[in-house]
Amino acid sequence: MNDLKSKIITRSPRSKGALTPEVQARIGHQLRTMYEDIVRQGVPERFAEMIRKLDSSTNASEESDGQNLEKHRHSGTRRSAGGD
């Protein structure tokens, strides 16, 4: 199968400035190596704390929005019932 792939790649016309498959593979390998190192470092504690704060404020905001929605539903029900 690799033989078929190499034939397809070598037969396809190259655009001016296009990277060869070997160069693309080398760049991909280097990027994976670089990002693996970054992932291993983990998230700094100050960023983790900021994320926790954002999550808790988002959750509180969503709860507040849900409560406001319920209030509007009930007030709308009262108005329509009282207006009839």
N, C-alpha and C. Protein backbone atom coordinates (compact mmCIF):
# COMPACT_ATOMS: atom_id res chain seq x y z
N MET A 1 0.82 -1.19 0.00
CA MET A 1 0.00 0.00 0.00
C MET A 1 0.86 1.26 0.00
N ASN A 2 1.96 1.24 0.76
CA ASN A 2 2.87 2.38 0.74
C ASN A 2 3.44 2.59 -0.65
N ASP A 3 3.67 1.49 -1.38
CA ASP A 3 4.18 1.58 -2.73
C ASP A 3 3.19 2.31 -3.63
N LEU A 4 1.91 2.00 -3.48
CA LEU A 4 0.87 2.66 -4.26
C LEU A 4 0.82 4.15 -3.93
N LYS A 5 0.91 4.45 -2.65
CA LYS A 5 0.88 5.84 -2.20
C LYS A 5 2.06 6.62 -2.78
N SER A 6 3.23 6.03 -2.76
CA SER A 6 4.40 6.73 -3.30
C SER A 6 4.27 6.94 -4.79
N LYS A 7 3.65 6.00 -5.51
CA LYS A 7 3.46 6.17 -6.95
C LYS A 7 2.50 7.31 -7.23
N ILE A 8 1.46 7.40 -6.45
CA ILE A 8 0.48 8.47 -6.64
C ILE A 8 1.13 9.82 -6.37
N ILE A 9 1.91 9.88 -5.31
CA ILE A 9 2.54 11.14 -4.95
C ILE A 9 3.56 11.56 -6.01
N THR A 10 4.35 10.61 -6.51
CA THR A 10 5.37 10.98 -7.49
C THR A 10 4.78 11.32 -8.83
N ARG A 11 3.60 10.80 -9.16
CA ARG A 11 2.98 11.09 -10.44
C ARG A 11 2.22 12.42 -10.45
N SER A 12 1.77 12.85 -9.28
CA SER A 12 0.99 14.08 -9.25
C SER A 12 1.91 15.27 -9.50
N PRO A 13 1.44 16.23 -10.30
CA PRO A 13 2.27 17.39 -10.59
C PRO A 13 2.43 18.25 -9.34
N ARG A 14 3.61 18.77 -9.16
CA ARG A 14 3.89 19.61 -7.99
C ARG A 14 3.67 21.07 -8.34
N SER A 15 3.05 21.76 -7.43
CA SER A 15 2.91 23.20 -7.58
C SER A 15 4.25 23.83 -7.27
N LYS A 16 4.45 25.00 -7.80
CA LYS A 16 5.70 25.71 -7.52
C LYS A 16 5.74 26.01 -6.02
N GLY A 17 6.80 25.59 -5.36
CA GLY A 17 6.97 25.82 -3.94
C GLY A 17 6.31 24.78 -3.05
N ALA A 18 5.72 23.73 -3.62
CA ALA A 18 5.07 22.70 -2.82
C ALA A 18 6.12 21.89 -2.07
N LEU A 19 5.75 21.42 -0.90
CA LEU A 19 6.66 20.61 -0.09
C LEU A 19 6.58 19.16 -0.52
N THR A 20 7.70 18.50 -0.52
CA THR A 20 7.72 17.07 -0.84
C THR A 20 7.12 16.30 0.34
N PRO A 21 6.67 15.09 0.10
CA PRO A 21 6.13 14.28 1.19
C PRO A 21 7.15 14.06 2.32
N GLU A 22 8.41 13.96 1.96
CA GLU A 22 9.45 13.76 2.97
C GLU A 22 9.57 14.98 3.87
N VAL A 23 9.51 16.17 3.26
CA VAL A 23 9.60 17.40 4.05
C VAL A 23 8.36 17.54 4.93
N GLN A 24 7.19 17.23 4.39
CA GLN A 24 5.95 17.29 5.18
C GLN A 24 6.03 16.34 6.37
N ALA A 25 6.53 15.14 6.15
CA ALA A 25 6.65 14.16 7.23
C ALA A 25 7.62 14.66 8.30
N ARG A 26 8.71 15.26 7.88
CA ARG A 26 9.71 15.77 8.82
C ARG A 26 9.12 16.90 9.66
N ILE A 27 8.40 17.81 9.02
CA ILE A 27 7.76 18.92 9.75
C ILE A 27 6.73 18.36 10.73
N GLY A 28 5.94 17.40 10.29
CA GLY A 28 4.94 16.79 11.17
C GLY A 28 5.57 16.15 12.39
N HIS A 29 6.67 15.44 12.18
CA HIS A 29 7.38 14.80 13.29
C HIS A 29 7.90 15.86 14.27
N GLN A 30 8.48 16.92 13.76
CA GLN A 30 9.02 17.97 14.63
C GLN A 30 7.91 18.67 15.41
N LEU A 31 6.78 18.92 14.76
CA LEU A 31 5.65 19.55 15.46
C LEU A 31 5.11 18.65 16.57
N ARG A 32 4.96 17.35 16.27
CA ARG A 32 4.48 16.42 17.30
C ARG A 32 5.43 16.39 18.49
N THR A 33 6.72 16.36 18.23
CA THR A 33 7.71 16.35 19.31
C THR A 33 7.60 17.60 20.15
N MET A 34 7.49 18.75 19.50
CA MET A 34 7.40 20.02 20.21
C MET A 34 6.13 20.07 21.07
N TYR A 35 5.00 19.69 20.52
CA TYR A 35 3.74 19.76 21.27
C TYR A 35 3.66 18.71 22.36
N GLU A 36 4.30 17.57 22.20
CA GLU A 36 4.33 16.57 23.28
C GLU A 36 5.02 17.16 24.50
N ASP A 37 6.12 17.89 24.28
CA ASP A 37 6.82 18.53 25.39
C ASP A 37 5.92 19.54 26.10
N ILE A 38 5.17 20.30 25.34
CA ILE A 38 4.28 21.31 25.93
C ILE A 38 3.18 20.64 26.73
N VAL A 39 2.60 19.58 26.20
CA VAL A 39 1.52 18.88 26.90
C VAL A 39 2.03 18.27 28.21
N ARG A 40 3.23 17.75 28.19
CA ARG A 40 3.81 17.16 29.41
C ARG A 40 4.00 18.19 30.50
N GLN A 41 4.22 19.44 30.14
CA GLN A 41 4.44 20.48 31.15
C GLN A 41 3.18 20.75 31.97
N GLY A 42 2.03 20.50 31.41
CA GLY A 42 0.79 20.71 32.14
C GLY A 42 0.38 22.17 32.14
N VAL A 43 -0.72 22.44 32.84
CA VAL A 43 -1.27 23.79 32.93
C VAL A 43 -0.73 24.44 34.20
N PRO A 44 -0.15 25.64 34.09
CA PRO A 44 0.31 26.34 35.30
C PRO A 44 -0.85 26.56 36.27
N GLU A 45 -0.56 26.53 37.55
CA GLU A 45 -1.59 26.64 38.58
C GLU A 45 -2.40 27.92 38.44
N ARG A 46 -1.77 29.03 38.08
CA ARG A 46 -2.53 30.29 37.97
C ARG A 46 -3.56 30.20 36.84
N PHE A 47 -3.24 29.49 35.76
CA PHE A 47 -4.20 29.32 34.68
C PHE A 47 -5.33 28.38 35.12
N ALA A 48 -4.96 27.33 35.84
CA ALA A 48 -5.97 26.39 36.33
C ALA A 48 -6.95 27.12 37.25
N GLU A 49 -6.44 28.01 38.09
CA GLU A 49 -7.29 28.78 39.00
C GLU A 49 -8.22 29.70 38.22
N MET A 50 -7.69 30.35 37.19
CA MET A 50 -8.52 31.23 36.35
C MET A 50 -9.63 30.43 35.67
N ILE A 51 -9.31 29.24 35.20
CA ILE A 51 -10.31 28.39 34.54
C ILE A 51 -11.39 27.99 35.54
N ARG A 52 -10.98 27.63 36.77
CA ARG A 52 -11.96 27.28 37.79
C ARG A 52 -12.90 28.45 38.08
N LYS A 53 -12.34 29.65 38.17
CA LYS A 53 -13.17 30.83 38.44
C LYS A 53 -14.13 31.09 37.29
N LEU A 54 -13.64 30.98 36.07
CA LEU A 54 -14.51 31.18 34.91
C LEU A 54 -15.63 30.14 34.88
N ASP A 55 -15.27 28.89 35.16
CA ASP A 55 -16.28 27.84 35.18
C ASP A 55 -17.34 28.10 36.23
N SER A 56 -16.91 28.52 37.42
CA SER A 56 -17.88 28.74 38.49
C SER A 56 -18.75 29.95 38.17
N SER A 57 -18.19 31.01 37.57
CA SER A 57 -19.02 32.17 37.23
C SER A 57 -19.96 31.83 36.07
N THR A 58 -19.51 30.99 35.15
CA THR A 58 -20.38 30.57 34.05
C THR A 58 -21.53 29.74 34.58
N ASN A 59 -21.24 28.82 35.50
CA ASN A 59 -22.29 27.99 36.09
C ASN A 59 -23.29 28.85 36.86
N ALA A 60 -22.78 29.84 37.62
CA ALA A 60 -23.66 30.72 38.38
C ALA A 60 -24.52 31.54 37.43
N SER A 61 -23.92 31.99 36.34
CA SER A 61 -24.66 32.78 35.35
C SER A 61 -25.74 31.94 34.70
N GLU A 62 -25.43 30.70 34.37
CA GLU A 62 -26.42 29.81 33.76
C GLU A 62 -27.56 29.53 34.72
N GLU A 63 -27.24 29.34 36.00
CA GLU A 63 -28.29 29.11 37.00
C GLU A 63 -29.17 30.34 37.12
N SER A 64 -28.54 31.52 37.13
CA SER A 64 -29.28 32.76 37.23
C SER A 64 -30.18 32.95 36.01
N ASP A 65 -29.65 32.65 34.83
CA ASP A 65 -30.46 32.74 33.61
C ASP A 65 -31.64 31.79 33.68
N GLY A 66 -31.42 30.60 34.19
CA GLY A 66 -32.50 29.62 34.32
C GLY A 66 -33.57 30.10 35.28
N GLN A 67 -33.14 30.72 36.39
CA GLN A 67 -34.10 31.24 37.35
C GLN A 67 -34.89 32.40 36.76
N ASN A 68 -34.21 33.28 36.01
CA ASN A 68 -34.90 34.40 35.38
C ASN A 68 -35.91 33.90 34.35
N LEU A 69 -35.55 32.87 33.62
CA LEU A 69 -36.46 32.30 32.64
C LEU A 69 -37.70 31.75 33.32
N GLU A 70 -37.51 31.06 34.44
CA GLU A 70 -38.65 30.53 35.18
C GLU A 70 -39.55 31.66 35.68
N LYS A 71 -38.94 32.76 36.16
CA LYS A 71 -39.74 33.90 36.63
C LYS A 71 -40.58 34.46 35.50
N HIS A 72 -39.98 34.61 34.32
CA HIS A 72 -40.71 35.13 33.17
C HIS A 72 -41.83 34.19 32.75
N ARG A 73 -41.58 32.91 32.81
CA ARG A 73 -42.62 31.95 32.45
C ARG A 73 -43.81 32.07 33.38
N HIS A 74 -43.50 32.15 34.70
CA HIS A 74 -44.58 32.23 35.69
C HIS A 74 -45.30 33.57 35.60
N SER A 75 -44.58 34.65 35.38
CA SER A 75 -45.24 35.96 35.30
C SER A 75 -46.10 36.02 34.05
N GLY A 76 -45.66 35.42 32.96
CA GLY A 76 -46.46 35.38 31.74
C GLY A 76 -47.71 34.57 31.93
N THR A 77 -47.62 33.50 32.69
CA THR A 77 -48.78 32.66 32.96
C THR A 77 -49.79 33.43 33.80
N ARG A 78 -49.29 34.17 34.80
CA ARG A 78 -50.17 34.94 35.65
C ARG A 78 -50.88 36.02 34.86
N ARG A 79 -50.13 36.69 33.96
CA ARG A 79 -50.74 37.76 33.20
C ARG A 79 -51.85 37.25 32.30
N SER A 80 -51.56 36.14 31.59
CA SER A 80 -52.57 35.62 30.69
C SER A 80 -53.77 35.09 31.44
N ALA A 81 -53.55 34.50 32.61
CA ALA A 81 -54.65 33.99 33.41
C ALA A 81 -55.45 35.15 34.00
N GLY A 82 -54.75 36.22 34.43
CA GLY A 82 -55.44 37.37 35.02
C GLY A 82 -56.12 38.22 33.97
N GLY A 83 -55.62 38.22 32.73
CA GLY A 83 -56.17 39.07 31.67
C GLY A 83 -57.43 38.50 31.06
N ASP A 84 -57.68 37.20 31.25
CA ASP A 84 -58.87 36.57 30.65
C ASP A 84 -60.12 36.86 31.40
